[in-house]
Amino acid sequence: MKTTLSALFLVPCVLVLMVAAAVVLGGPADIRPLASINAPFEKVDFSAVPPSQRFTARDGTALAWLHYPATTAATAQRRVVLVHGSSARAQSMHVLAQALAAAGFDVAALDMRGHGESGTRGQAAYIGQLEDDIEDFMRRMPFAGPSTLLGFSSGGGFVLRFAGSTRQALFDRYLLLSPYLHHRAPTNRESMGGSGASWVSVGLPRMVALTVLNAAGMTRWNDLPVLRFALNEFSQKLLTPSYSYTLAANFRPHDDYLSDIRQVRQPLRIVAGLDDELFDANGFARVFAQAAQTVPVTLVAGVNHIGLTLQAQAAAAVVKACSD
């Protein structure tokens, strides 16, 4: 009897210690820079990036965005709101924003909360705050016409999350550029970087432990980092080197990403580069079909992941997708 009672006491103690160890010690490891992500931006001319503007979110935080007015029409008929990729900021979408403005769109490129000049880098206060921020932007910076929400990579995954939400009617169109769907999605390449390299280091023990704790209603440690990105020394000064659990859980689709897809009621399109080293571009149509959603997918030859926001042929495909 004494042995049984001791075992009943010991097992939960061991489980608590394992969870505690995972939270404290199970963070993301250092990761070497991924050249295919860092190097292309060294050749971009950022001299014409517009000055940052601000809108106030519901929690009182001033969030940053860049405005690219249409350059080919007196009054733009449509706004395109741009959501950057993981660790990035609004100016990473500069080349694409210029192309869209030249095609007659009013363009707003956002520094998503936890990135650039919007709040504390790598942090968000609660899961769901990014959706609140998008709604706040649309309410506080209204546009007299329809709007498209466009997201790239992890930003594309977040845009899918928003497109499947109860607030999806804030936009009448959605465009995903090579979106991150989920770590279990068949579109993920094994190394997510090619040649054995990787773009992100995941603190899996901490991620799992915090997921368990969140399911029990404990969110105290959600500000701890669970993702670290393969940035070089220069990029680390400008971008967001790591994500807290809260930001990592929010800036992507839900775990049931197929449900997000099923809930989309507005027109949605996908554009991806055929040479994407992070994701299998040919797999997007199959994943959406699995969720009973047939979506137009444009595949751009000769374009890799970052090239989708920088190369001329990719910009032309994105402009066309926004125009159709």
Protein backbone atom coordinates (compact mmCIF):
# COMPACT_ATOMS: atom_id res chain seq x y z
CA MET A 1 0.00 0.00 0.00
CA LYS A 2 2.82 2.33 0.97
CA THR A 3 4.56 1.63 -2.34
CA THR A 4 1.40 2.40 -4.30
CA LEU A 5 0.89 5.71 -2.48
CA SER A 6 4.52 6.64 -3.08
CA ALA A 7 4.14 5.89 -6.78
CA LEU A 8 0.94 7.94 -6.98
CA PHE A 9 2.79 10.85 -5.43
CA LEU A 10 5.99 10.40 -7.44
CA VAL A 11 4.48 10.23 -10.93
CA PRO A 12 2.90 13.72 -10.93
CA CYS A 13 6.05 15.15 -9.35
CA VAL A 14 8.15 13.70 -12.17
CA LEU A 15 5.73 15.05 -14.79
CA VAL A 16 5.84 18.52 -13.23
CA LEU A 17 9.65 18.42 -13.22
CA MET A 18 9.72 17.31 -16.86
CA VAL A 19 7.42 20.14 -17.92
CA ALA A 20 9.44 22.65 -15.87
CA ALA A 21 12.69 21.44 -17.42
CA ALA A 22 11.21 21.71 -20.92
CA VAL A 23 10.03 25.27 -20.25
CA VAL A 24 13.34 26.40 -18.76
CA LEU A 25 15.84 24.48 -20.90
CA GLY A 26 13.91 23.56 -24.07
CA GLY A 27 14.21 26.82 -26.02
CA PRO A 28 15.39 27.16 -29.63
CA ALA A 29 19.05 26.54 -30.41
CA ASP A 30 21.29 28.95 -32.28
CA ILE A 31 21.07 28.60 -36.06
CA ARG A 32 23.49 29.59 -38.78
CA PRO A 33 22.35 32.24 -41.28
CA LEU A 34 20.49 31.05 -44.38
CA ALA A 35 22.00 32.80 -47.39
CA SER A 36 19.00 32.34 -49.69
CA ILE A 37 16.90 34.45 -47.29
CA ASN A 38 19.44 37.05 -46.18
CA ALA A 39 21.51 37.75 -49.30
CA PRO A 40 18.83 38.90 -51.78
CA PHE A 41 17.89 41.94 -49.68
CA GLU A 42 21.48 43.24 -49.83
CA LYS A 43 20.85 44.18 -53.48
CA VAL A 44 17.52 45.96 -52.93
CA ASP A 45 17.36 49.75 -53.23
CA PHE A 46 15.43 50.89 -50.16
CA SER A 47 16.03 54.61 -50.75
CA ALA A 48 12.40 55.23 -51.79
CA VAL A 49 10.80 53.53 -48.78
CA PRO A 50 8.14 55.98 -47.53
CA PRO A 51 8.27 57.29 -43.94
CA SER A 52 6.50 55.18 -41.34
CA GLN A 53 2.98 56.14 -40.35
CA ARG A 54 1.15 55.09 -37.18
CA PHE A 55 -2.29 53.92 -36.13
CA THR A 56 -3.36 53.21 -32.57
CA ALA A 57 -4.45 49.68 -31.73
CA ARG A 58 -7.15 48.96 -29.13
CA ASP A 59 -4.54 48.40 -26.41
CA GLY A 60 -3.10 51.89 -27.01
CA THR A 61 0.03 50.71 -28.86
CA ALA A 62 1.08 52.77 -31.88
CA LEU A 63 1.66 50.31 -34.74
CA ALA A 64 3.67 51.21 -37.84
CA TRP A 65 2.80 50.93 -41.52
CA LEU A 66 4.02 52.23 -44.87
CA HIS A 67 1.75 53.91 -47.41
CA TYR A 68 2.36 53.52 -51.15
CA PRO A 69 -0.32 55.57 -52.98
CA ALA A 70 -1.23 54.50 -56.50
CA THR A 71 1.08 56.16 -59.00
CA THR A 72 -0.91 55.53 -62.19
CA ALA A 73 -4.37 56.74 -61.20
CA ALA A 74 -5.80 59.82 -59.51
CA THR A 75 -7.88 57.62 -57.23
CA ALA A 76 -7.10 53.97 -56.60
CA GLN A 77 -10.08 51.63 -56.90
CA ARG A 78 -8.68 49.00 -54.54
CA ARG A 79 -6.41 48.83 -51.52
CA VAL A 80 -3.92 45.99 -51.03
CA VAL A 81 -2.78 45.44 -47.43
CA LEU A 82 0.56 43.61 -47.24
CA VAL A 83 1.62 41.26 -44.43
CA HIS A 84 5.34 40.40 -44.43
CA GLY A 85 6.93 37.04 -43.67
CA SER A 86 8.47 35.65 -40.48
CA SER A 87 11.00 37.87 -38.66
CA ALA A 88 10.55 40.57 -41.33
CA ARG A 89 9.00 44.05 -41.43
CA ALA A 90 6.99 46.20 -43.84
CA GLN A 91 9.97 47.42 -45.86
CA SER A 92 10.80 43.83 -46.84
CA MET A 93 7.74 44.13 -49.11
CA HIS A 94 9.03 47.37 -50.68
CA VAL A 95 9.68 46.04 -54.19
CA LEU A 96 6.29 44.35 -54.38
CA ALA A 97 4.54 47.41 -52.88
CA GLN A 98 6.07 49.63 -55.56
CA ALA A 99 4.92 47.28 -58.32
CA LEU A 100 1.36 47.22 -56.97
CA ALA A 101 1.27 51.02 -56.58
CA ALA A 102 2.51 51.39 -60.17
CA ALA A 103 -0.35 49.13 -61.28
CA GLY A 104 -2.91 51.48 -59.72
CA PHE A 105 -3.44 50.00 -56.25
CA ASP A 106 -3.36 51.88 -52.96
CA VAL A 107 -0.88 49.85 -50.88
CA ALA A 108 -0.48 49.60 -47.12
CA ALA A 109 2.49 47.54 -45.89
CA LEU A 110 2.22 46.71 -42.19
CA ASP A 111 4.83 46.22 -39.50
CA MET A 112 2.94 43.42 -37.78
CA ARG A 113 2.99 43.62 -33.97
CA GLY A 114 6.26 42.19 -32.68
CA HIS A 115 8.11 43.28 -35.83
CA GLY A 116 9.85 46.42 -37.06
CA GLU A 117 8.50 49.50 -35.27
CA SER A 118 5.32 47.86 -33.94
CA GLY A 119 5.65 47.03 -30.27
CA THR A 120 8.33 44.87 -28.67
CA ARG A 121 10.05 42.69 -31.24
CA GLY A 122 9.19 39.02 -30.95
CA GLN A 123 6.28 39.60 -28.57
CA ALA A 124 2.48 39.83 -28.55
CA ALA A 125 0.27 40.11 -25.47
CA TYR A 126 -2.16 37.30 -26.30
CA ILE A 127 -3.00 34.85 -29.07
CA GLY A 128 -5.50 36.61 -31.30
CA GLN A 129 -4.00 40.09 -30.87
CA LEU A 130 -2.75 40.17 -34.46
CA GLU A 131 -6.29 39.68 -35.76
CA ASP A 132 -7.41 42.54 -33.50
CA ASP A 133 -4.64 44.69 -34.96
CA ILE A 134 -5.75 44.03 -38.54
CA GLU A 135 -9.33 44.97 -37.66
CA ASP A 136 -8.09 48.10 -35.86
CA PHE A 137 -6.08 49.14 -38.92
CA MET A 138 -9.09 48.77 -41.20
CA ARG A 139 -11.32 50.75 -38.80
CA ARG A 140 -8.84 53.53 -38.06
CA MET A 141 -7.39 53.84 -41.58
CA PRO A 142 -10.51 53.40 -43.75
CA PHE A 143 -10.32 53.18 -47.51
CA ALA A 144 -13.15 54.18 -49.84
CA GLY A 145 -13.24 50.98 -51.84
CA PRO A 146 -12.68 47.22 -51.64
CA SER A 147 -9.53 45.76 -50.07
CA THR A 148 -7.33 42.70 -50.57
CA LEU A 149 -5.34 41.19 -47.71
CA LEU A 150 -2.07 39.74 -49.03
CA GLY A 151 0.42 37.76 -46.97
CA PHE A 152 3.80 36.23 -47.73
CA SER A 153 5.17 33.00 -46.21
CA SER A 154 4.28 32.99 -42.47
CA GLY A 155 2.36 36.17 -43.21
CA GLY A 156 0.46 34.16 -45.81
CA GLY A 157 -0.35 31.59 -43.16
CA PHE A 158 -1.63 34.34 -40.90
CA VAL A 159 -3.72 35.78 -43.75
CA LEU A 160 -5.26 32.31 -44.22
CA ARG A 161 -6.04 32.28 -40.48
CA PHE A 162 -7.77 35.66 -40.87
CA ALA A 163 -9.55 34.61 -44.09
CA GLY A 164 -11.11 31.68 -42.22
CA SER A 165 -12.19 33.77 -39.26
CA THR A 166 -15.46 35.52 -38.37
CA ARG A 167 -13.86 38.82 -39.48
CA GLN A 168 -13.10 37.73 -43.02
CA ALA A 169 -15.67 40.14 -44.52
CA LEU A 170 -13.34 43.06 -43.71
CA PHE A 171 -11.67 42.12 -47.03
CA ASP A 172 -13.38 40.98 -50.19
CA ARG A 173 -10.29 39.16 -51.55
CA TYR A 174 -7.32 37.28 -50.15
CA LEU A 175 -3.97 36.47 -51.75
CA LEU A 176 -1.41 34.07 -50.26
CA LEU A 177 2.19 34.15 -51.48
CA SER A 178 3.87 30.79 -50.82
CA PRO A 179 2.09 30.48 -47.46
CA TYR A 180 3.35 28.57 -44.44
CA LEU A 181 0.47 26.25 -43.55
CA HIS A 182 1.69 24.10 -40.67
CA HIS A 183 4.74 22.10 -39.62
CA ARG A 184 2.79 18.95 -40.49
CA ALA A 185 1.57 20.24 -43.85
CA PRO A 186 2.78 18.24 -46.88
CA THR A 187 3.92 21.50 -48.52
CA ASN A 188 6.85 21.80 -46.09
CA ARG A 189 10.20 20.72 -47.48
CA GLU A 190 12.20 18.51 -45.11
CA SER A 191 14.95 21.03 -44.33
CA MET A 192 12.93 24.18 -45.15
CA GLY A 193 15.98 25.78 -46.70
CA GLY A 194 17.60 23.27 -49.01
CA SER A 195 21.08 21.73 -48.92
CA GLY A 196 20.64 20.69 -45.30
CA ALA A 197 20.14 24.29 -44.13
CA SER A 198 17.08 25.60 -42.36
CA TRP A 199 15.31 28.91 -41.86
CA VAL A 200 14.06 28.36 -38.33
CA SER A 201 15.19 26.64 -35.14
CA VAL A 202 12.29 25.33 -33.06
CA GLY A 203 12.49 24.91 -29.28
CA LEU A 204 10.26 21.85 -29.50
CA PRO A 205 10.38 20.78 -25.82
CA ARG A 206 9.41 24.29 -24.71
CA MET A 207 6.78 24.56 -27.45
CA VAL A 208 5.14 21.29 -26.39
CA ALA A 209 5.32 22.11 -22.68
CA LEU A 210 3.77 25.55 -23.16
CA THR A 211 1.03 24.07 -25.34
CA VAL A 212 0.17 21.68 -22.51
CA LEU A 213 0.20 24.52 -19.98
CA ASN A 214 -1.94 26.74 -22.21
CA ALA A 215 -4.50 23.95 -22.54
CA ALA A 216 -4.68 24.04 -18.73
CA GLY A 217 -5.18 27.80 -18.78
CA MET A 218 -1.62 28.73 -17.72
CA THR A 219 -0.13 31.42 -19.96
CA ARG A 220 2.44 32.96 -17.60
CA TRP A 221 5.45 31.79 -19.60
CA ASN A 222 4.11 32.54 -23.10
CA ASP A 223 6.64 35.35 -23.54
CA LEU A 224 9.53 32.86 -23.68
CA PRO A 225 11.13 32.34 -27.13
CA VAL A 226 10.27 29.15 -29.02
CA LEU A 227 11.51 30.04 -32.53
CA ARG A 228 14.84 31.48 -33.69
CA PHE A 229 15.45 32.54 -37.29
CA ALA A 230 18.52 32.08 -39.49
CA LEU A 231 19.45 35.77 -39.74
CA ASN A 232 22.92 37.11 -40.36
CA GLU A 233 24.47 39.66 -38.00
CA PHE A 234 23.32 42.67 -40.02
CA SER A 235 19.74 41.43 -40.39
CA GLN A 236 19.42 40.73 -36.67
CA LYS A 237 19.65 44.49 -36.01
CA LEU A 238 16.71 45.27 -38.32
CA LEU A 239 14.51 42.20 -38.14
CA THR A 240 13.08 39.97 -35.39
CA PRO A 241 15.54 37.21 -34.40
CA SER A 242 13.11 35.14 -32.31
CA TYR A 243 9.40 34.67 -31.51
CA SER A 244 7.74 34.16 -28.18
CA TYR A 245 5.24 31.33 -27.84
CA THR A 246 2.38 33.84 -28.16
CA LEU A 247 3.65 35.39 -31.38
CA ALA A 248 4.61 32.02 -32.89
CA ALA A 249 1.13 30.63 -32.16
CA ASN A 250 -0.61 33.69 -33.60
CA PHE A 251 1.42 34.46 -36.74
CA ARG A 252 0.35 31.33 -38.62
CA PRO A 253 -2.82 29.28 -39.26
CA HIS A 254 -4.48 27.38 -36.43
CA ASP A 255 -3.27 23.84 -35.70
CA ASP A 256 -6.30 22.62 -37.65
CA TYR A 257 -5.22 24.54 -40.75
CA LEU A 258 -7.60 22.52 -42.94
CA SER A 259 -10.46 23.96 -40.91
CA ASP A 260 -9.14 27.47 -41.60
CA ILE A 261 -9.23 26.63 -45.32
CA ARG A 262 -12.76 25.22 -45.10
CA GLN A 263 -14.04 28.37 -43.38
CA VAL A 264 -12.92 30.75 -46.15
CA ARG A 265 -15.90 32.27 -47.95
CA GLN A 266 -14.22 35.12 -49.81
CA PRO A 267 -12.29 34.73 -53.08
CA LEU A 268 -8.75 33.50 -52.40
CA ARG A 269 -5.77 32.91 -54.68
CA ILE A 270 -2.24 31.57 -54.26
CA VAL A 271 1.00 32.59 -56.00
CA ALA A 272 4.23 30.62 -55.45
CA GLY A 273 7.65 30.24 -57.05
CA LEU A 274 8.46 26.91 -58.66
CA ASP A 275 12.00 27.06 -57.23
CA ASP A 276 10.84 27.67 -53.66
CA GLU A 277 13.37 26.05 -51.34
CA LEU A 278 11.13 26.19 -48.25
CA PHE A 279 7.82 24.89 -49.60
CA ASP A 280 6.64 22.54 -52.33
CA ALA A 281 4.81 24.94 -54.62
CA ASN A 282 3.10 22.10 -56.48
CA GLY A 283 1.48 20.92 -53.25
CA PHE A 284 -0.66 23.95 -52.43
CA ALA A 285 -3.51 23.07 -54.79
CA ARG A 286 -3.64 19.50 -53.41
CA VAL A 287 -3.82 20.68 -49.78
CA PHE A 288 -6.64 23.12 -50.50
CA ALA A 289 -8.49 20.48 -52.53
CA GLN A 290 -8.17 18.14 -49.53
CA ALA A 291 -10.15 20.75 -47.57
CA ALA A 292 -12.75 20.93 -50.37
CA GLN A 293 -11.53 24.32 -51.55
CA THR A 294 -10.56 24.73 -55.19
CA VAL A 295 -8.39 27.85 -55.45
CA PRO A 296 -6.50 29.34 -58.40
CA VAL A 297 -2.76 28.74 -57.97
CA THR A 298 -0.20 30.61 -60.07
CA LEU A 299 3.28 29.04 -60.20
CA VAL A 300 6.11 31.33 -61.33
CA ALA A 301 9.06 29.66 -63.04
CA GLY A 302 12.60 30.58 -61.99
CA VAL A 303 11.53 32.11 -58.66
CA ASN A 304 12.56 30.90 -55.20
CA HIS A 305 11.02 31.80 -51.83
CA ILE A 306 12.34 35.34 -51.27
CA GLY A 307 12.34 35.96 -55.01
CA LEU A 308 8.57 35.90 -54.85
CA THR A 309 8.67 39.39 -53.30
CA LEU A 310 11.69 40.72 -55.21
CA GLN A 311 11.79 39.43 -58.80
CA ALA A 312 10.07 41.24 -61.66
CA GLN A 313 8.28 38.16 -63.05
CA ALA A 314 6.92 37.37 -59.59
CA ALA A 315 5.70 40.94 -59.09
CA ALA A 316 3.92 40.76 -62.44
CA ALA A 317 2.15 37.55 -61.39
CA VAL A 318 1.10 39.11 -58.07
CA VAL A 319 -0.21 42.24 -59.79
CA LYS A 320 -2.23 40.05 -62.15
CA ALA A 321 -3.62 38.00 -59.28
CA CYS A 322 -4.70 41.20 -57.53
CA SER A 323 -6.26 42.53 -60.72
CA ASP A 324 -8.24 39.46 -61.82
